[in-house]
């Protein structure tokens, strides 16, 4: 996948994860997918979600956990 295309996909996932107008299940799945991608850009997107004080604490904690997993994996 091209770098630019990957960036667009990451942005879409991050936008979904942060969209309070969507169901929590969709936001959670988007956050999980960002964690599965595991790139530096995905890490940054997860950290941004973790710092978003509009999101529920549980979702922010999940984003932080996924970010920690990326760091621990060394990707």
N, C-alpha and C. Protein backbone atom coordinates (compact mmCIF):
# COMPACT_ATOMS: atom_id res chain seq x y z
N UNK A 1 0.84 -1.18 0.00
CA UNK A 1 0.00 0.00 0.00
C UNK A 1 0.89 1.24 0.00
N UNK A 2 0.57 2.21 -0.82
CA UNK A 2 1.36 3.43 -0.90
C UNK A 2 1.27 4.21 0.40
N UNK A 3 2.33 4.94 0.69
CA UNK A 3 2.40 5.72 1.92
C UNK A 3 1.26 6.74 2.02
N UNK A 4 0.98 7.42 0.93
CA UNK A 4 -0.09 8.42 0.93
C UNK A 4 -1.45 7.76 1.17
N UNK A 5 -1.66 6.62 0.55
CA UNK A 5 -2.92 5.89 0.73
C UNK A 5 -3.04 5.42 2.17
N UNK A 6 -1.93 4.95 2.75
CA UNK A 6 -1.93 4.52 4.15
C UNK A 6 -2.27 5.69 5.06
N UNK A 7 -1.72 6.85 4.78
CA UNK A 7 -2.00 8.04 5.58
C UNK A 7 -3.48 8.39 5.52
N UNK A 8 -4.07 8.30 4.34
CA UNK A 8 -5.50 8.58 4.19
C UNK A 8 -6.33 7.59 5.00
N UNK A 9 -5.95 6.32 4.95
CA UNK A 9 -6.67 5.29 5.70
C UNK A 9 -6.54 5.54 7.21
N UNK A 10 -5.33 5.88 7.64
CA UNK A 10 -5.13 6.18 9.07
C UNK A 10 -5.98 7.37 9.51
N UNK A 11 -6.03 8.38 8.68
CA UNK A 11 -6.82 9.56 9.01
C UNK A 11 -8.30 9.20 9.11
N UNK A 12 -8.78 8.39 8.17
CA UNK A 12 -10.18 7.96 8.21
C UNK A 12 -10.48 7.19 9.49
N UNK A 13 -9.59 6.26 9.87
CA UNK A 13 -9.78 5.49 11.09
C UNK A 13 -9.76 6.39 12.32
N UNK A 14 -8.83 7.33 12.35
CA UNK A 14 -8.74 8.26 13.48
C UNK A 14 -9.99 9.13 13.57
N UNK A 15 -10.48 9.57 12.42
CA UNK A 15 -11.71 10.38 12.40
C UNK A 15 -12.90 9.57 12.92
N UNK A 16 -12.98 8.31 12.52
CA UNK A 16 -14.07 7.45 13.00
C UNK A 16 -13.95 7.26 14.51
N UNK A 17 -12.74 6.98 14.99
CA UNK A 17 -12.52 6.73 16.41
C UNK A 17 -12.87 7.95 17.27
N UNK A 18 -12.77 9.15 16.70
CA UNK A 18 -13.02 10.38 17.45
C UNK A 18 -14.43 10.94 17.26
N UNK A 19 -15.21 10.32 16.37
CA UNK A 19 -16.53 10.86 16.04
C UNK A 19 -17.59 10.41 17.05
N UNK A 20 -17.95 11.30 17.96
CA UNK A 20 -18.91 10.98 19.01
C UNK A 20 -20.32 10.77 18.47
N UNK A 21 -20.54 11.09 17.21
CA UNK A 21 -21.83 10.85 16.59
C UNK A 21 -22.03 9.41 16.15
N UNK A 22 -20.95 8.63 16.20
CA UNK A 22 -21.02 7.22 15.81
C UNK A 22 -21.17 6.33 17.04
N UNK A 23 -21.63 5.12 16.81
CA UNK A 23 -21.77 4.16 17.90
C UNK A 23 -20.41 3.82 18.51
N UNK A 24 -20.40 3.56 19.79
CA UNK A 24 -19.17 3.24 20.49
C UNK A 24 -18.48 2.01 19.88
N UNK A 25 -19.25 1.04 19.40
CA UNK A 25 -18.66 -0.15 18.78
C UNK A 25 -17.83 0.20 17.56
N UNK A 26 -18.31 1.14 16.74
CA UNK A 26 -17.55 1.56 15.56
C UNK A 26 -16.28 2.30 15.95
N UNK A 27 -16.40 3.17 16.95
CA UNK A 27 -15.22 3.92 17.41
C UNK A 27 -14.18 2.96 17.98
N UNK A 28 -14.65 1.98 18.75
CA UNK A 28 -13.75 1.00 19.36
C UNK A 28 -13.03 0.19 18.28
N UNK A 29 -13.77 -0.25 17.29
CA UNK A 29 -13.17 -1.04 16.20
C UNK A 29 -12.11 -0.23 15.46
N UNK A 30 -12.39 1.04 15.22
CA UNK A 30 -11.42 1.90 14.53
C UNK A 30 -10.14 2.04 15.37
N UNK A 31 -10.30 2.18 16.68
CA UNK A 31 -9.13 2.29 17.56
C UNK A 31 -8.33 0.98 17.54
N UNK A 32 -9.02 -0.14 17.57
CA UNK A 32 -8.33 -1.44 17.50
C UNK A 32 -7.56 -1.58 16.19
N UNK A 33 -8.18 -1.17 15.10
CA UNK A 33 -7.51 -1.27 13.79
C UNK A 33 -6.26 -0.39 13.75
N UNK A 34 -6.33 0.80 14.34
CA UNK A 34 -5.15 1.66 14.40
C UNK A 34 -4.03 0.94 15.16
N UNK A 35 -4.39 0.28 16.25
CA UNK A 35 -3.40 -0.46 17.01
C UNK A 35 -2.81 -1.62 16.21
N UNK A 36 -3.64 -2.27 15.41
CA UNK A 36 -3.17 -3.39 14.59
C UNK A 36 -2.23 -2.93 13.48
N UNK A 37 -2.44 -1.73 12.97
CA UNK A 37 -1.56 -1.21 11.91
C UNK A 37 -0.15 -1.06 12.45
N UNK A 38 -0.05 -0.48 13.64
CA UNK A 38 1.22 -0.48 14.35
C UNK A 38 2.33 0.41 13.82
N UNK A 39 2.04 1.31 12.91
CA UNK A 39 3.08 2.20 12.39
C UNK A 39 3.26 3.41 13.32
N UNK A 40 4.29 4.18 13.06
CA UNK A 40 4.54 5.40 13.82
C UNK A 40 3.36 6.36 13.68
N UNK A 41 2.82 6.45 12.47
CA UNK A 41 1.67 7.32 12.23
C UNK A 41 0.45 6.85 13.01
N UNK A 42 0.25 5.53 13.08
CA UNK A 42 -0.85 4.98 13.87
C UNK A 42 -0.64 5.27 15.35
N UNK A 43 0.59 5.17 15.81
CA UNK A 43 0.92 5.51 17.19
C UNK A 43 0.55 6.95 17.50
N UNK A 44 0.92 7.85 16.62
CA UNK A 44 0.58 9.27 16.83
C UNK A 44 -0.92 9.49 16.85
N UNK A 45 -1.64 8.81 15.97
CA UNK A 45 -3.10 8.93 15.94
C UNK A 45 -3.71 8.42 17.24
N UNK A 46 -3.19 7.32 17.76
CA UNK A 46 -3.69 6.78 19.02
C UNK A 46 -3.41 7.73 20.18
N UNK A 47 -2.23 8.32 20.19
CA UNK A 47 -1.89 9.27 21.25
C UNK A 47 -2.79 10.50 21.19
N UNK A 48 -3.12 10.91 19.98
CA UNK A 48 -4.05 12.04 19.82
C UNK A 48 -5.43 11.67 20.38
N UNK A 49 -5.87 10.46 20.11
CA UNK A 49 -7.15 10.00 20.67
C UNK A 49 -7.10 9.96 22.19
N UNK A 50 -6.00 9.47 22.73
CA UNK A 50 -5.85 9.38 24.18
C UNK A 50 -5.90 10.76 24.83
N UNK A 51 -5.45 11.76 24.11
CA UNK A 51 -5.44 13.12 24.62
C UNK A 51 -6.72 13.90 24.34
N UNK A 52 -7.68 13.27 23.68
CA UNK A 52 -8.93 13.94 23.32
C UNK A 52 -9.89 13.88 24.52
N UNK A 53 -10.02 15.00 25.23
CA UNK A 53 -10.84 15.00 26.45
C UNK A 53 -12.33 14.96 26.18
N UNK A 54 -12.74 14.97 24.93
CA UNK A 54 -14.17 14.83 24.60
C UNK A 54 -14.60 13.37 24.57
N UNK A 55 -13.64 12.48 24.35
CA UNK A 55 -13.94 11.05 24.32
C UNK A 55 -14.12 10.52 25.74
N UNK A 56 -14.94 9.48 25.89
CA UNK A 56 -15.08 8.86 27.21
C UNK A 56 -13.73 8.31 27.70
N UNK A 57 -13.54 8.33 29.01
CA UNK A 57 -12.27 7.89 29.60
C UNK A 57 -11.92 6.47 29.16
N UNK A 58 -12.90 5.59 29.10
CA UNK A 58 -12.64 4.19 28.72
C UNK A 58 -12.02 4.11 27.31
N UNK A 59 -12.52 4.92 26.39
CA UNK A 59 -11.99 4.91 25.02
C UNK A 59 -10.60 5.53 24.97
N UNK A 60 -10.38 6.55 25.77
CA UNK A 60 -9.05 7.18 25.84
C UNK A 60 -8.03 6.20 26.39
N UNK A 61 -8.44 5.46 27.42
CA UNK A 61 -7.54 4.47 28.01
C UNK A 61 -7.21 3.35 27.02
N UNK A 62 -8.20 2.94 26.22
CA UNK A 62 -7.96 1.90 25.22
C UNK A 62 -6.96 2.41 24.17
N UNK A 63 -7.12 3.65 23.74
CA UNK A 63 -6.19 4.22 22.76
C UNK A 63 -4.77 4.25 23.34
N UNK A 64 -4.66 4.61 24.60
CA UNK A 64 -3.34 4.64 25.24
C UNK A 64 -2.75 3.24 25.36
N UNK A 65 -3.59 2.27 25.69
CA UNK A 65 -3.14 0.88 25.78
C UNK A 65 -2.63 0.38 24.43
N UNK A 66 -3.37 0.69 23.36
CA UNK A 66 -2.95 0.29 22.02
C UNK A 66 -1.63 0.97 21.63
N UNK A 67 -1.49 2.24 22.03
CA UNK A 67 -0.24 2.96 21.75
C UNK A 67 0.92 2.29 22.49
N UNK A 68 0.70 1.90 23.74
CA UNK A 68 1.74 1.21 24.51
C UNK A 68 2.13 -0.10 23.86
N UNK A 69 1.16 -0.81 23.32
CA UNK A 69 1.45 -2.08 22.65
C UNK A 69 2.36 -1.87 21.44
N UNK A 70 2.11 -0.79 20.69
CA UNK A 70 2.95 -0.47 19.53
C UNK A 70 4.36 -0.17 20.00
N UNK A 71 4.50 0.60 21.07
CA UNK A 71 5.83 0.96 21.58
C UNK A 71 6.56 -0.28 22.05
N UNK A 72 5.87 -1.14 22.79
CA UNK A 72 6.50 -2.36 23.31
C UNK A 72 6.92 -3.31 22.21
N UNK A 73 6.18 -3.32 21.11
CA UNK A 73 6.51 -4.22 20.00
C UNK A 73 7.72 -3.74 19.21
N UNK A 74 8.09 -2.48 19.40
CA UNK A 74 9.26 -1.95 18.71
C UNK A 74 9.01 -1.64 17.25
N UNK A 75 7.73 -1.58 16.84
CA UNK A 75 7.44 -1.28 15.43
C UNK A 75 7.60 0.18 15.14
